[in-house]
């Protein structure tokens, strides 16, 4: 008597592509962080006077901070991408294991949509 093995559906997502995108995002986040540091540090090496100087320093600090915040936010997205890629890989492995079990047992196979 054969058993019934349910084959999970093919998960949505391309783990390799997701990891490649995460790698690109890591590079961009690193560059944004470096740019933010450079923009924030640039006025410290210069001599400024007057109200325009204060505004310039403030603007540079603000731009540097925004770049650093964008890099930090991108790091969060990278983490989510990597977690999602790992989940898709887990689901693919689970599906493949079910298919191998079904083939090994010559079981009746029910493939979910």
Protein backbone atom coordinates (compact mmCIF):
# COMPACT_ATOMS: atom_id res chain seq x y z
CA UNK A 1 0.00 0.00 0.00
CA UNK A 2 1.43 3.35 -0.97
CA UNK A 3 1.34 6.45 1.14
CA UNK A 4 0.34 9.89 -0.05
CA UNK A 5 3.05 12.52 0.00
CA UNK A 6 2.02 16.10 -0.58
CA UNK A 7 4.49 18.10 -2.64
CA UNK A 8 4.56 21.76 -1.54
CA UNK A 9 4.09 24.36 -4.26
CA UNK A 10 7.09 26.02 -5.88
CA UNK A 11 7.87 29.08 -3.73
CA UNK A 12 7.99 32.49 -5.30
CA UNK A 13 11.40 34.10 -5.44
CA UNK A 14 14.87 33.61 -6.83
CA UNK A 15 17.29 33.14 -3.92
CA UNK A 16 20.38 33.61 -6.07
CA UNK A 17 19.01 36.83 -7.55
CA UNK A 18 17.95 38.02 -4.11
CA UNK A 19 21.47 37.41 -2.75
CA UNK A 20 23.01 39.19 -5.75
CA UNK A 21 20.75 42.18 -5.15
CA UNK A 22 21.71 42.15 -1.46
CA UNK A 23 25.38 42.23 -2.51
CA UNK A 24 24.80 45.24 -4.76
CA UNK A 25 22.91 46.96 -1.96
CA UNK A 26 25.79 46.26 0.46
CA UNK A 27 28.18 48.01 -1.92
CA UNK A 28 25.85 50.97 -2.28
CA UNK A 29 25.30 51.18 1.49
CA UNK A 30 29.06 51.18 2.04
CA UNK A 31 29.53 53.94 -0.50
CA UNK A 32 26.70 55.99 0.99
CA UNK A 33 28.21 55.63 4.45
CA UNK A 34 31.62 56.77 3.19
CA UNK A 35 30.13 59.70 1.33
CA UNK A 36 28.16 60.70 4.42
CA UNK A 37 31.33 60.64 6.53
CA UNK A 38 33.26 62.66 3.97
CA UNK A 39 30.52 65.26 3.51
CA UNK A 40 30.11 65.66 7.27
CA UNK A 41 33.88 65.88 7.85
CA UNK A 42 34.68 68.21 4.96
CA UNK A 43 33.75 71.50 6.70
CA UNK A 44 35.84 70.56 9.76
CA UNK A 45 39.02 71.03 7.74
CA UNK A 46 37.99 74.46 6.44
CA UNK A 47 37.87 77.90 7.98
CA UNK A 48 34.49 79.60 7.84
CA UNK A 49 33.25 82.96 9.04
CA UNK A 50 29.85 84.56 9.27
CA UNK A 51 26.29 83.39 9.00
CA UNK A 52 26.79 81.87 5.55
CA UNK A 53 29.51 79.69 7.03
CA UNK A 54 27.14 78.43 9.72
CA UNK A 55 24.49 77.67 7.12
CA UNK A 56 27.05 75.85 4.96
CA UNK A 57 28.27 73.75 7.89
CA UNK A 58 24.67 72.95 8.81
CA UNK A 59 23.81 71.98 5.24
CA UNK A 60 26.86 69.74 4.92
CA UNK A 61 26.13 68.08 8.26
CA UNK A 62 22.52 67.55 7.23
CA UNK A 63 23.50 66.02 3.87
CA UNK A 64 26.05 63.75 5.53
CA UNK A 65 23.50 62.65 8.09
CA UNK A 66 20.91 61.89 5.40
CA UNK A 67 23.44 59.79 3.47
CA UNK A 68 24.35 57.89 6.65
CA UNK A 69 20.65 57.35 7.46
CA UNK A 70 20.02 56.07 3.93
CA UNK A 71 22.93 53.63 4.29
CA UNK A 72 21.52 52.42 7.61
CA UNK A 73 18.03 51.98 6.14
CA UNK A 74 19.49 50.10 3.19
CA UNK A 75 21.24 47.75 5.63
CA UNK A 76 17.80 46.87 7.03
CA UNK A 77 16.53 46.04 3.55
CA UNK A 78 19.63 43.92 2.94
CA UNK A 79 18.84 41.89 6.06
CA UNK A 80 15.27 41.36 4.91
CA UNK A 81 16.44 40.29 1.43
CA UNK A 82 18.92 37.81 2.87
CA UNK A 83 16.29 36.38 5.24
CA UNK A 84 13.79 36.06 2.39
CA UNK A 85 16.39 34.30 0.20
CA UNK A 86 17.10 31.83 3.02
CA UNK A 87 13.36 31.18 3.44
CA UNK A 88 12.89 30.52 -0.29
CA UNK A 89 15.88 28.16 -0.21
CA UNK A 90 14.37 26.33 2.77
CA UNK A 91 11.04 25.96 0.96
CA UNK A 92 12.76 24.72 -2.21
CA UNK A 93 14.73 22.15 -0.19
CA UNK A 94 11.54 21.02 1.56
CA UNK A 95 9.81 20.60 -1.79
CA UNK A 96 12.75 18.71 -3.27
CA UNK A 97 12.88 16.39 -0.25
CA UNK A 98 9.17 15.62 -0.62
CA UNK A 99 9.66 14.81 -4.31
CA UNK A 100 12.58 12.48 -3.50
CA UNK A 101 10.53 10.73 -0.79
CA UNK A 102 7.65 10.27 -3.21
CA UNK A 103 9.93 8.86 -5.88
CA UNK A 104 11.65 6.55 -3.39
CA UNK A 105 8.38 5.23 -2.02
CA UNK A 106 6.60 5.21 -5.38
CA UNK A 107 3.87 7.01 -3.54
CA UNK A 108 0.84 8.64 -4.93
CA UNK A 109 1.88 12.24 -5.48
CA UNK A 110 -0.33 15.25 -4.98
CA UNK A 111 1.31 18.48 -6.13
CA UNK A 112 -0.15 21.60 -4.58
CA UNK A 113 -0.80 24.58 -6.88
